[in-house]
Amino acid sequence: KQWYQRRVAITAGEQPALKTVPTALLRKRKQLNKERVAKAIEKKLKETKKRQKGKTVFKRAEYFVNEHHKMKIDGLRIGRLKHRVVKVPENVKLLFIMRIAKTPGKMPERIRKILQSLRLNTLHHGVLVEATESMIEKIRIVEPYITWGYPSLRSVHDLVFKYGYGEVDGAKSALSSNVLIENQFGAQGMLCLEDLVKELFNVGKKEKSTDCDSALIPLLRS
């Protein structure tokens, strides 16, 4: 009965005022929380860097022995390639090369320079190149680190359509629009994706193919 009377008295009279927090104080609390979280993250990153910096990397003697053995094998393999005759298969104009192996250690300087000239510094990157004797010689030298073959017209079309990117005004852009291709290669007479694929597959004039190769970013296969 007393509880009922107290309830009736509250409802009949004025409702008690709720406690409120000023908006300015809420904003200040929110800002302080953000700053506190940012400082905690920064502190954690500094501690992680400090630990990694102070940690000395220890390499066993077997690591250096394996590195030397691998460099020696690569040197012998490259030396044996000098005595092989390189021939380009008939009716083959285009090659597709993709990087498949990444060595954690040091590789011979000649192999590193060839991979760099082919723009295959990253794993699973692929490039389309002209089939020449000098190119096949380079491929034979870096063969343990790559896979390569002779693509068909359909394969070139699928590669460029799915994974093709070009450099337009210094930015990476997908070759998904014929307008973009026309703006980039219109001066060479290429107005759509099919024209670009045909020019790449047939390895047309030297100027056209060079412009296409330089404008295309190496294809990244996932």
Protein backbone atom coordinates (compact mmCIF):
# COMPACT_ATOMS: atom_id res chain seq x y z
CA LYS A 1 0.00 0.00 0.00
CA GLN A 2 2.81 2.41 0.81
CA TRP A 3 4.52 1.59 -2.52
CA TYR A 4 1.28 2.32 -4.37
CA GLN A 5 0.80 5.63 -2.57
CA ARG A 6 4.39 6.69 -3.36
CA ARG A 7 3.89 5.83 -7.04
CA VAL A 8 0.62 7.79 -7.20
CA ALA A 9 2.33 10.77 -5.58
CA ILE A 10 5.14 10.75 -8.19
CA THR A 11 2.79 10.47 -11.15
CA ALA A 12 0.43 13.10 -9.75
CA GLY A 13 3.20 15.57 -9.00
CA GLU A 14 6.05 16.81 -11.15
CA GLN A 15 8.38 14.28 -12.72
CA PRO A 16 11.95 14.42 -11.31
CA ALA A 17 14.40 16.02 -13.71
CA LEU A 18 16.82 13.63 -15.45
CA LYS A 19 20.51 14.19 -15.07
CA THR A 20 21.96 15.61 -18.29
CA VAL A 21 25.53 16.05 -19.51
CA PRO A 22 26.43 19.15 -21.54
CA THR A 23 27.22 18.54 -25.21
CA ALA A 24 30.55 20.30 -24.92
CA LEU A 25 31.61 17.90 -22.17
CA LEU A 26 30.59 14.89 -24.28
CA ARG A 27 32.65 16.18 -27.20
CA LYS A 28 35.62 16.71 -24.91
CA ARG A 29 35.34 13.17 -23.55
CA LYS A 30 35.12 11.73 -27.07
CA GLN A 31 38.18 13.69 -28.16
CA LEU A 32 40.12 12.58 -25.09
CA ASN A 33 39.21 8.94 -25.78
CA LYS A 34 40.45 9.26 -29.38
CA GLU A 35 43.71 10.82 -28.23
CA ARG A 36 44.15 8.13 -25.58
CA VAL A 37 43.64 5.34 -28.13
CA ALA A 38 45.99 7.00 -30.65
CA LYS A 39 48.70 7.40 -27.99
CA ALA A 40 48.32 3.76 -26.95
CA ILE A 41 48.69 2.56 -30.57
CA GLU A 42 51.71 4.82 -31.13
CA LYS A 43 53.33 3.58 -27.92
CA LYS A 44 52.79 -0.05 -28.94
CA LEU A 45 54.30 0.55 -32.38
CA LYS A 46 57.35 2.25 -30.84
CA GLU A 47 57.85 -0.66 -28.45
CA THR A 48 57.59 -3.16 -31.32
CA LYS A 49 60.13 -1.23 -33.41
CA LYS A 50 62.45 -0.96 -30.43
CA ARG A 51 62.29 -4.72 -29.84
CA GLN A 52 62.93 -5.49 -33.51
CA LYS A 53 65.81 -3.02 -33.66
CA GLY A 54 67.50 -4.47 -30.62
CA LYS A 55 67.07 -8.03 -31.84
CA THR A 56 70.16 -9.36 -33.61
CA VAL A 57 69.52 -11.65 -36.58
CA PHE A 58 71.50 -14.82 -36.12
CA LYS A 59 72.30 -16.92 -39.18
CA ARG A 60 73.78 -20.35 -38.90
CA ALA A 61 76.80 -21.46 -40.89
CA GLU A 62 74.56 -23.78 -42.94
CA TYR A 63 72.77 -20.73 -44.36
CA PHE A 64 75.98 -19.31 -45.87
CA VAL A 65 77.04 -22.75 -47.12
CA ASN A 66 73.69 -23.21 -48.89
CA GLU A 67 73.89 -19.71 -50.38
CA HIS A 68 77.38 -20.38 -51.75
CA HIS A 69 76.30 -23.77 -53.11
CA LYS A 70 73.28 -22.25 -54.84
CA MET A 71 75.37 -19.46 -56.41
CA LYS A 72 77.87 -22.06 -57.63
CA ILE A 73 75.15 -24.20 -59.22
CA ASP A 74 73.65 -21.17 -60.98
CA GLY A 75 77.08 -20.22 -62.29
CA LEU A 76 77.70 -23.70 -63.69
CA ARG A 77 74.23 -23.83 -65.25
CA ILE A 78 74.72 -20.45 -66.97
CA GLY A 79 78.15 -21.59 -68.21
CA ARG A 80 76.67 -24.72 -69.82
CA LEU A 81 74.08 -22.63 -71.66
CA LYS A 82 76.81 -20.93 -73.72
CA HIS A 83 77.31 -24.10 -75.75
CA ARG A 84 73.63 -24.56 -76.63
CA VAL A 85 72.18 -23.41 -79.93
CA VAL A 86 69.07 -21.26 -79.53
CA LYS A 87 66.39 -21.48 -82.22
CA VAL A 88 63.08 -19.69 -82.36
CA PRO A 89 60.20 -22.02 -83.37
CA GLU A 90 58.52 -21.21 -86.65
CA ASN A 91 55.29 -19.19 -86.66
CA VAL A 92 55.93 -18.05 -83.08
CA LYS A 93 56.02 -14.31 -82.52
CA LEU A 94 54.99 -13.84 -78.90
CA LEU A 95 56.02 -15.28 -75.55
CA PHE A 96 54.40 -15.06 -72.14
CA ILE A 97 56.70 -15.13 -69.08
CA MET A 98 55.62 -15.26 -65.43
CA ARG A 99 57.69 -15.15 -62.24
CA ILE A 100 56.97 -18.21 -60.09
CA ALA A 101 59.92 -18.48 -57.70
CA LYS A 102 61.25 -16.00 -55.19
CA THR A 103 64.52 -16.77 -53.48
CA PRO A 104 64.94 -15.48 -49.92
CA GLY A 105 68.69 -15.19 -50.27
CA LYS A 106 71.04 -13.61 -52.77
CA MET A 107 70.82 -14.45 -56.47
CA PRO A 108 73.52 -14.00 -59.14
CA GLU A 109 73.83 -10.46 -60.45
CA ARG A 110 73.22 -11.49 -64.07
CA ILE A 111 69.93 -13.23 -63.19
CA ARG A 112 68.80 -10.26 -61.11
CA LYS A 113 69.50 -7.81 -63.95
CA ILE A 114 67.62 -9.95 -66.51
CA LEU A 115 64.57 -10.24 -64.24
CA GLN A 116 64.72 -6.49 -63.65
CA SER A 117 64.89 -5.77 -67.40
CA LEU A 118 61.86 -8.04 -67.93
CA ARG A 119 60.00 -6.20 -65.11
CA LEU A 120 59.58 -9.46 -63.19
CA ASN A 121 60.72 -8.25 -59.78
CA THR A 122 57.51 -9.42 -58.06
CA LEU A 123 56.10 -12.93 -57.65
CA HIS A 124 53.26 -13.91 -60.06
CA HIS A 125 53.93 -10.96 -62.38
CA GLY A 126 53.74 -11.78 -66.09
CA VAL A 127 54.81 -10.03 -69.29
CA LEU A 128 54.28 -10.49 -73.02
CA VAL A 129 57.51 -10.26 -75.03
CA GLU A 130 58.59 -10.75 -78.62
CA ALA A 131 60.00 -14.19 -79.46
CA THR A 132 63.61 -13.60 -80.51
CA GLU A 133 66.81 -15.58 -80.09
CA SER A 134 68.21 -13.08 -77.60
CA MET A 135 64.99 -13.22 -75.55
CA ILE A 136 65.03 -17.03 -75.42
CA GLU A 137 68.68 -16.88 -74.30
CA LYS A 138 67.63 -14.64 -71.41
CA ILE A 139 64.76 -17.00 -70.58
CA ARG A 140 67.12 -19.99 -70.44
CA ILE A 141 69.33 -18.15 -67.95
CA VAL A 142 66.48 -17.26 -65.55
CA GLU A 143 64.46 -20.44 -66.20
CA PRO A 144 64.48 -21.73 -62.56
CA TYR A 145 62.70 -18.54 -61.47
CA ILE A 146 60.04 -18.30 -64.21
CA THR A 147 57.57 -20.25 -66.30
CA TRP A 148 56.99 -19.38 -69.95
CA GLY A 149 55.21 -20.49 -73.08
CA TYR A 150 53.61 -19.56 -76.39
CA PRO A 151 50.19 -17.97 -75.80
CA SER A 152 47.26 -18.26 -78.21
CA LEU A 153 45.19 -15.31 -79.39
CA ARG A 154 42.43 -16.27 -76.94
CA SER A 155 44.93 -16.46 -74.06
CA VAL A 156 46.31 -13.00 -74.85
CA HIS A 157 42.79 -11.59 -75.00
CA ASP A 158 41.85 -13.12 -71.62
CA LEU A 159 45.09 -11.98 -69.98
CA VAL A 160 44.75 -8.37 -71.13
CA PHE A 161 41.00 -8.25 -70.45
CA LYS A 162 41.18 -9.75 -66.92
CA TYR A 163 44.58 -8.62 -65.67
CA GLY A 164 45.63 -5.82 -68.02
CA TYR A 165 46.48 -2.42 -66.54
CA GLY A 166 47.95 0.60 -68.24
CA GLU A 167 49.68 3.73 -67.04
CA VAL A 168 47.52 6.74 -67.87
CA ASP A 169 48.76 10.17 -66.74
CA GLY A 170 51.04 8.52 -64.22
CA ALA A 171 48.23 6.49 -62.60
CA LYS A 172 47.42 2.76 -62.81
CA SER A 173 44.16 2.15 -64.68
CA ALA A 174 42.40 -1.03 -65.83
CA LEU A 175 42.05 -1.48 -69.60
CA SER A 176 38.30 -2.01 -69.35
CA SER A 177 37.18 0.92 -71.48
CA ASN A 178 37.61 1.35 -75.23
CA VAL A 179 37.64 5.11 -74.69
CA LEU A 180 40.73 4.76 -72.51
CA ILE A 181 42.45 2.58 -75.11
CA GLU A 182 41.57 5.04 -77.87
CA ASN A 183 42.99 7.95 -75.88
CA GLN A 184 46.16 6.03 -75.10
CA PHE A 185 46.81 4.26 -78.44
CA GLY A 186 44.62 6.16 -80.91
CA ALA A 187 47.66 7.69 -82.60
CA GLN A 188 48.83 4.14 -83.50
CA GLY A 189 45.43 3.25 -85.01
CA MET A 190 44.14 1.16 -82.06
CA LEU A 191 40.61 2.07 -80.99
CA CYS A 192 39.43 -0.90 -78.87
CA LEU A 193 40.62 -3.88 -76.85
CA GLU A 194 40.54 -6.21 -79.85
CA ASP A 195 42.89 -3.90 -81.78
CA LEU A 196 45.31 -3.84 -78.86
CA VAL A 197 45.23 -7.64 -78.47
CA LYS A 198 45.74 -8.16 -82.20
CA GLU A 199 48.71 -5.78 -82.23
CA LEU A 200 50.30 -7.54 -79.27
CA PHE A 201 49.71 -11.05 -80.65
CA ASN A 202 50.98 -10.31 -84.14
CA VAL A 203 53.89 -8.18 -82.86
CA GLY A 204 53.25 -5.46 -85.42
CA LYS A 205 55.48 -2.56 -86.26
CA LYS A 206 58.38 -1.90 -83.92
CA GLU A 207 57.09 1.51 -82.86
CA LYS A 208 53.58 0.24 -82.11
CA SER A 209 54.65 -2.84 -80.17
CA THR A 210 57.18 -0.83 -78.16
CA ASP A 211 54.52 1.71 -77.20
CA CYS A 212 52.12 -1.07 -76.17
CA ASP A 213 54.73 -2.87 -74.07
CA SER A 214 55.84 0.30 -72.30
CA ALA A 215 52.27 1.40 -71.57
CA LEU A 216 51.17 -1.99 -70.18
CA ILE A 217 51.92 -2.69 -66.53
CA PRO A 218 53.13 -6.28 -65.85
CA LEU A 219 50.13 -8.60 -65.45
CA LEU A 220 49.55 -9.78 -61.88
CA ARG A 221 48.11 -13.29 -61.60
CA SER A 222 46.65 -14.17 -58.20
